Amino acid sequence: NIIWSGVRIVRMSALGLMDTALSA
């Protein structure tokens, strides 16, 4: 369960650092 949460948070941070576009 912790791994799933950690991967989700890391992915969310990476998207922000990559200048992801605003939501639809």
PDB file of all heavy atoms in Angstrom:
ATOM      1  N   ASN A   1       0.826  -1.206   0.000  1.00  0.00           N
ATOM      2  CA  ASN A   1       0.000   0.000   0.000  1.00  0.00           C
ATOM      3  C   ASN A   1       0.865   1.264   0.000  1.00  0.00           C
ATOM      4  O   ASN A   1       0.577   2.241  -0.705  1.00  0.00           O
ATOM      5  CB  ASN A   1      -0.909  -0.009   1.229  1.00  0.00           C
ATOM      6  CG  ASN A   1      -1.826   1.193   1.283  1.00  0.00           C
ATOM      7  OD1 ASN A   1      -2.478   1.532   0.297  1.00  0.00           O
ATOM      8  ND2 ASN A   1      -1.876   1.845   2.426  1.00  0.00           N
ATOM      9  N   ILE A   2       1.949   1.226   0.769  1.00  0.00           N
ATOM     10  CA  ILE A   2       2.853   2.374   0.840  1.00  0.00           C
ATOM     11  C   ILE A   2       3.533   2.600  -0.510  1.00  0.00           C
ATOM     12  O   ILE A   2       3.718   3.742  -0.952  1.00  0.00           O
ATOM     13  CB  ILE A   2       3.903   2.159   1.955  1.00  0.00           C
ATOM     14  CG1 ILE A   2       3.213   2.147   3.319  1.00  0.00           C
ATOM     15  CG2 ILE A   2       4.956   3.251   1.915  1.00  0.00           C
ATOM     16  CD1 ILE A   2       4.148   1.819   4.465  1.00  0.00           C
ATOM     17  N   ILE A   3       3.937   1.510  -1.170  1.00  0.00           N
ATOM     18  CA  ILE A   3       4.590   1.631  -2.479  1.00  0.00           C
ATOM     19  C   ILE A   3       3.669   2.321  -3.472  1.00  0.00           C
ATOM     20  O   ILE A   3       4.084   3.209  -4.224  1.00  0.00           O
ATOM     21  CB  ILE A   3       5.015   0.243  -3.000  1.00  0.00           C
ATOM     22  CG1 ILE A   3       6.197  -0.284  -2.173  1.00  0.00           C
ATOM     23  CG2 ILE A   3       5.387   0.307  -4.485  1.00  0.00           C
ATOM     24  CD1 ILE A   3       6.572  -1.706  -2.497  1.00  0.00           C
ATOM     25  N   TRP A   4       2.404   1.930  -3.479  1.00  0.00           N
ATOM     26  CA  TRP A   4       1.443   2.538  -4.397  1.00  0.00           C
ATOM     27  C   TRP A   4       1.339   4.048  -4.143  1.00  0.00           C
ATOM     28  O   TRP A   4       1.344   4.852  -5.074  1.00  0.00           O
ATOM     29  CB  TRP A   4       0.072   1.887  -4.221  1.00  0.00           C
ATOM     30  CG  TRP A   4      -0.972   2.464  -5.133  1.00  0.00           C
ATOM     31  CD1 TRP A   4      -1.257   2.093  -6.404  1.00  0.00           C
ATOM     32  CD2 TRP A   4      -1.868   3.542  -4.828  1.00  0.00           C
ATOM     33  NE1 TRP A   4      -2.278   2.865  -6.925  1.00  0.00           N
ATOM     34  CE2 TRP A   4      -2.657   3.762  -5.982  1.00  0.00           C
ATOM     35  CE3 TRP A   4      -2.070   4.345  -3.703  1.00  0.00           C
ATOM     36  CZ2 TRP A   4      -3.640   4.750  -6.038  1.00  0.00           C
ATOM     37  CZ3 TRP A   4      -3.045   5.337  -3.765  1.00  0.00           C
ATOM     38  CH2 TRP A   4      -3.819   5.526  -4.909  1.00  0.00           C
ATOM     39  N   SER A   5       1.264   4.423  -2.870  1.00  0.00           N
ATOM     40  CA  SER A   5       1.162   5.835  -2.519  1.00  0.00           C
ATOM     41  C   SER A   5       2.427   6.589  -2.908  1.00  0.00           C
ATOM     42  O   SER A   5       2.363   7.700  -3.446  1.00  0.00           O
ATOM     43  CB  SER A   5       0.910   5.982  -1.016  1.00  0.00           C
ATOM     44  OG  SER A   5       0.864   7.330  -0.638  1.00  0.00           O
ATOM     45  N   GLY A   6       3.596   5.976  -2.657  1.00  0.00           N
ATOM     46  CA  GLY A   6       4.863   6.630  -2.982  1.00  0.00           C
ATOM     47  C   GLY A   6       5.028   6.862  -4.467  1.00  0.00           C
ATOM     48  O   GLY A   6       5.461   7.935  -4.900  1.00  0.00           O
ATOM     49  N   VAL A   7       4.685   5.866  -5.263  1.00  0.00           N
ATOM     50  CA  VAL A   7       4.797   6.007  -6.722  1.00  0.00           C
ATOM     51  C   VAL A   7       3.884   7.117  -7.215  1.00  0.00           C
ATOM     52  O   VAL A   7       4.255   7.928  -8.074  1.00  0.00           O
ATOM     53  CB  VAL A   7       4.451   4.671  -7.413  1.00  0.00           C
ATOM     54  CG1 VAL A   7       4.295   4.867  -8.922  1.00  0.00           C
ATOM     55  CG2 VAL A   7       5.535   3.636  -7.127  1.00  0.00           C
ATOM     56  N   ARG A   8       2.691   7.191  -6.684  1.00  0.00           N
ATOM     57  CA  ARG A   8       1.729   8.224  -7.091  1.00  0.00           C
ATOM     58  C   ARG A   8       2.265   9.623  -6.792  1.00  0.00           C
ATOM     59  O   ARG A   8       2.182  10.529  -7.622  1.00  0.00           O
ATOM     60  CB  ARG A   8       0.398   8.003  -6.376  1.00  0.00           C
ATOM     61  CG  ARG A   8      -0.646   9.065  -6.667  1.00  0.00           C
ATOM     62  CD  ARG A   8      -1.916   8.821  -5.864  1.00  0.00           C
ATOM     63  NE  ARG A   8      -2.844   9.926  -6.004  1.00  0.00           N
ATOM     64  CZ  ARG A   8      -2.768  11.050  -5.301  1.00  0.00           C
ATOM     65  NH1 ARG A   8      -1.817  11.197  -4.407  1.00  0.00           N
ATOM     66  NH2 ARG A   8      -3.645  12.015  -5.485  1.00  0.00           N
ATOM     67  N   ILE A   9       2.819   9.817  -5.600  1.00  0.00           N
ATOM     68  CA  ILE A   9       3.323  11.125  -5.211  1.00  0.00           C
ATOM     69  C   ILE A   9       4.539  11.519  -6.044  1.00  0.00           C
ATOM     70  O   ILE A   9       4.669  12.667  -6.485  1.00  0.00           O
ATOM     71  CB  ILE A   9       3.659  11.144  -3.705  1.00  0.00           C
ATOM     72  CG1 ILE A   9       2.374  11.007  -2.883  1.00  0.00           C
ATOM     73  CG2 ILE A   9       4.392  12.422  -3.324  1.00  0.00           C
ATOM     74  CD1 ILE A   9       2.605  10.890  -1.389  1.00  0.00           C
ATOM     75  N   VAL A  10       5.452  10.568  -6.280  1.00  0.00           N
ATOM     76  CA  VAL A  10       6.633  10.853  -7.098  1.00  0.00           C
ATOM     77  C   VAL A  10       6.223  11.224  -8.520  1.00  0.00           C
ATOM     78  O   VAL A  10       6.764  12.159  -9.121  1.00  0.00           O
ATOM     79  CB  VAL A  10       7.588   9.642  -7.114  1.00  0.00           C
ATOM     80  CG1 VAL A  10       8.683   9.830  -8.160  1.00  0.00           C
ATOM     81  CG2 VAL A  10       8.213   9.450  -5.738  1.00  0.00           C
ATOM     82  N   ARG A  11       5.260  10.495  -9.069  1.00  0.00           N
ATOM     83  CA  ARG A  11       4.786  10.793 -10.424  1.00  0.00           C
ATOM     84  C   ARG A  11       4.181  12.198 -10.486  1.00  0.00           C
ATOM     85  O   ARG A  11       4.435  12.950 -11.430  1.00  0.00           O
ATOM     86  CB  ARG A  11       3.734   9.760 -10.848  1.00  0.00           C
ATOM     87  CG  ARG A  11       3.165  10.002 -12.243  1.00  0.00           C
ATOM     88  CD  ARG A  11       2.133   8.935 -12.608  1.00  0.00           C
ATOM     89  NE  ARG A  11       1.574   9.188 -13.925  1.00  0.00           N
ATOM     90  CZ  ARG A  11       0.555   9.998 -14.165  1.00  0.00           C
ATOM     91  NH1 ARG A  11      -0.027  10.622 -13.148  1.00  0.00           N
ATOM     92  NH2 ARG A  11       0.105  10.190 -15.382  1.00  0.00           N
ATOM     93  N   MET A  12       3.386  12.556  -9.493  1.00  0.00           N
ATOM     94  CA  MET A  12       2.766  13.874  -9.456  1.00  0.00           C
ATOM     95  C   MET A  12       3.819  14.972  -9.397  1.00  0.00           C
ATOM     96  O   MET A  12       3.693  16.006 -10.073  1.00  0.00           O
ATOM     97  CB  MET A  12       1.836  13.960  -8.240  1.00  0.00           C
ATOM     98  CG  MET A  12       1.030  15.232  -8.141  1.00  0.00           C
ATOM     99  SD  MET A  12      -0.267  15.117  -6.860  1.00  0.00           S
ATOM    100  CE  MET A  12       0.710  14.692  -5.406  1.00  0.00           C
ATOM    101  N   SER A  13       4.879  14.753  -8.645  1.00  0.00           N
ATOM    102  CA  SER A  13       5.955  15.730  -8.544  1.00  0.00           C
ATOM    103  C   SER A  13       6.720  15.846  -9.859  1.00  0.00           C
ATOM    104  O   SER A  13       7.072  16.951 -10.287  1.00  0.00           O
ATOM    105  CB  SER A  13       6.917  15.331  -7.417  1.00  0.00           C
ATOM    106  OG  SER A  13       6.237  15.207  -6.196  1.00  0.00           O
ATOM    107  N   ALA A  14       6.980  14.714 -10.492  1.00  0.00           N
ATOM    108  CA  ALA A  14       7.708  14.729 -11.762  1.00  0.00           C
ATOM    109  C   ALA A  14       6.935  15.481 -12.836  1.00  0.00           C
ATOM    110  O   ALA A  14       7.512  16.237 -13.622  1.00  0.00           O
ATOM    111  CB  ALA A  14       7.982  13.292 -12.218  1.00  0.00           C
ATOM    112  N   LEU A  15       5.626  15.292 -12.871  1.00  0.00           N
ATOM    113  CA  LEU A  15       4.806  15.999 -13.854  1.00  0.00           C
ATOM    114  C   LEU A  15       4.889  17.508 -13.649  1.00  0.00           C
ATOM    115  O   LEU A  15       4.942  18.280 -14.609  1.00  0.00           O
ATOM    116  CB  LEU A  15       3.346  15.533 -13.760  1.00  0.00           C
ATOM    117  CG  LEU A  15       3.058  14.111 -14.242  1.00  0.00           C
ATOM    118  CD1 LEU A  15       1.599  13.747 -13.982  1.00  0.00           C
ATOM    119  CD2 LEU A  15       3.376  13.963 -15.731  1.00  0.00           C
ATOM    120  N   GLY A  16       4.922  17.932 -12.390  1.00  0.00           N
ATOM    121  CA  GLY A  16       5.033  19.356 -12.109  1.00  0.00           C
ATOM    122  C   GLY A  16       6.372  19.920 -12.527  1.00  0.00           C
ATOM    123  O   GLY A  16       6.452  21.006 -13.113  1.00  0.00           O
ATOM    124  N   LEU A  17       7.450  19.185 -12.274  1.00  0.00           N
ATOM    125  CA  LEU A  17       8.786  19.648 -12.655  1.00  0.00           C
ATOM    126  C   LEU A  17       8.963  19.680 -14.172  1.00  0.00           C
ATOM    127  O   LEU A  17       9.798  20.421 -14.690  1.00  0.00           O
ATOM    128  CB  LEU A  17       9.850  18.742 -12.024  1.00  0.00           C
ATOM    129  CG  LEU A  17       9.992  18.856 -10.506  1.00  0.00           C
ATOM    130  CD1 LEU A  17      10.933  17.784  -9.978  1.00  0.00           C
ATOM    131  CD2 LEU A  17      10.508  20.244 -10.115  1.00  0.00           C
ATOM    132  N   MET A  18       8.156  18.900 -14.894  1.00  0.00           N
ATOM    133  CA  MET A  18       8.240  18.864 -16.353  1.00  0.00           C
ATOM    134  C   MET A  18       7.290  19.869 -17.020  1.00  0.00           C
ATOM    135  O   MET A  18       7.031  19.795 -18.211  1.00  0.00           O
ATOM    136  CB  MET A  18       7.928  17.449 -16.843  1.00  0.00           C
ATOM    137  CG  MET A  18       8.973  16.416 -16.462  1.00  0.00           C
ATOM    138  SD  MET A  18       8.517  14.741 -16.963  1.00  0.00           S
ATOM    139  CE  MET A  18       8.539  14.912 -18.757  1.00  0.00           C
ATOM    140  N   ASP A  19       6.787  20.823 -16.237  1.00  0.00           N
ATOM    141  CA  ASP A  19       5.913  21.875 -16.779  1.00  0.00           C
ATOM    142  C   ASP A  19       4.685  21.302 -17.480  1.00  0.00           C
ATOM    143  O   ASP A  19       4.346  21.697 -18.605  1.00  0.00           O
ATOM    144  CB  ASP A  19       6.684  22.773 -17.757  1.00  0.00           C
ATOM    145  CG  ASP A  19       7.655  23.687 -17.033  1.00  0.00           C
ATOM    146  OD1 ASP A  19       7.434  23.957 -15.849  1.00  0.00           O
ATOM    147  OD2 ASP A  19       8.635  24.128 -17.663  1.00  0.00           O
ATOM    148  N   THR A  20       4.018  20.380 -16.835  1.00  0.00           N
ATOM    149  CA  THR A  20       2.803  19.794 -17.394  1.00  0.00           C
ATOM    150  C   THR A  20       1.724  20.869 -17.556  1.00  0.00           C
ATOM    151  O   THR A  20       1.602  21.785 -16.748  1.00  0.00           O
ATOM    152  CB  THR A  20       2.289  18.686 -16.460  1.00  0.00           C
ATOM    153  OG1 THR A  20       3.308  17.692 -16.330  1.00  0.00           O
ATOM    154  CG2 THR A  20       1.035  18.032 -17.016  1.00  0.00           C
ATOM    155  N   ALA A  21       0.935  20.739 -18.623  1.00  0.00           N
ATOM    156  CA  ALA A  21      -0.116  21.717 -18.918  1.00  0.00           C
ATOM    157  C   ALA A  21      -1.183  21.720 -17.831  1.00  0.00           C
ATOM    158  O   ALA A  21      -1.318  20.769 -17.056  1.00  0.00           O
ATOM    159  CB  ALA A  21      -0.742  21.402 -20.274  1.00  0.00           C
ATOM    160  N   LEU A  22      -1.949  22.801 -17.775  1.00  0.00           N
ATOM    161  CA  LEU A  22      -3.070  22.873 -16.851  1.00  0.00           C
ATOM    162  C   LEU A  22      -4.089  21.791 -17.171  1.00  0.00           C
ATOM    163  O   LEU A  22      -4.095  21.228 -18.268  1.00  0.00           O
ATOM    164  CB  LEU A  22      -3.743  24.250 -16.940  1.00  0.00           C
ATOM    165  CG  LEU A  22      -2.891  25.481 -16.604  1.00  0.00           C
ATOM    166  CD1 LEU A  22      -3.757  26.741 -16.671  1.00  0.00           C
ATOM    167  CD2 LEU A  22      -2.246  25.350 -15.235  1.00  0.00           C
ATOM    168  N   SER A  23      -4.949  21.508 -16.237  1.00  0.00           N
ATOM    169  CA  SER A  23      -5.980  20.491 -16.430  1.00  0.00           C
ATOM    170  C   SER A  23      -6.893  20.881 -17.589  1.00  0.00           C
ATOM    171  O   SER A  23      -6.990  22.055 -17.968  1.00  0.00           O
ATOM    172  CB  SER A  23      -6.798  20.322 -15.158  1.00  0.00           C
ATOM    173  OG  SER A  23      -7.520  21.511 -14.880  1.00  0.00           O
ATOM    174  N   ALA A  24      -7.577  19.894 -18.137  1.00  0.00           N
ATOM    175  CA  ALA A  24      -8.489  20.149 -19.259  1.00  0.00           C
ATOM    176  C   ALA A  24      -9.572  21.144 -18.867  1.00  0.00           C
ATOM    177  O   ALA A  24      -9.966  22.006 -19.675  1.00  0.00           O
ATOM    178  CB  ALA A  24      -9.116  18.835 -19.722  1.00  0.00           C
TER     179      ALA A  24
END
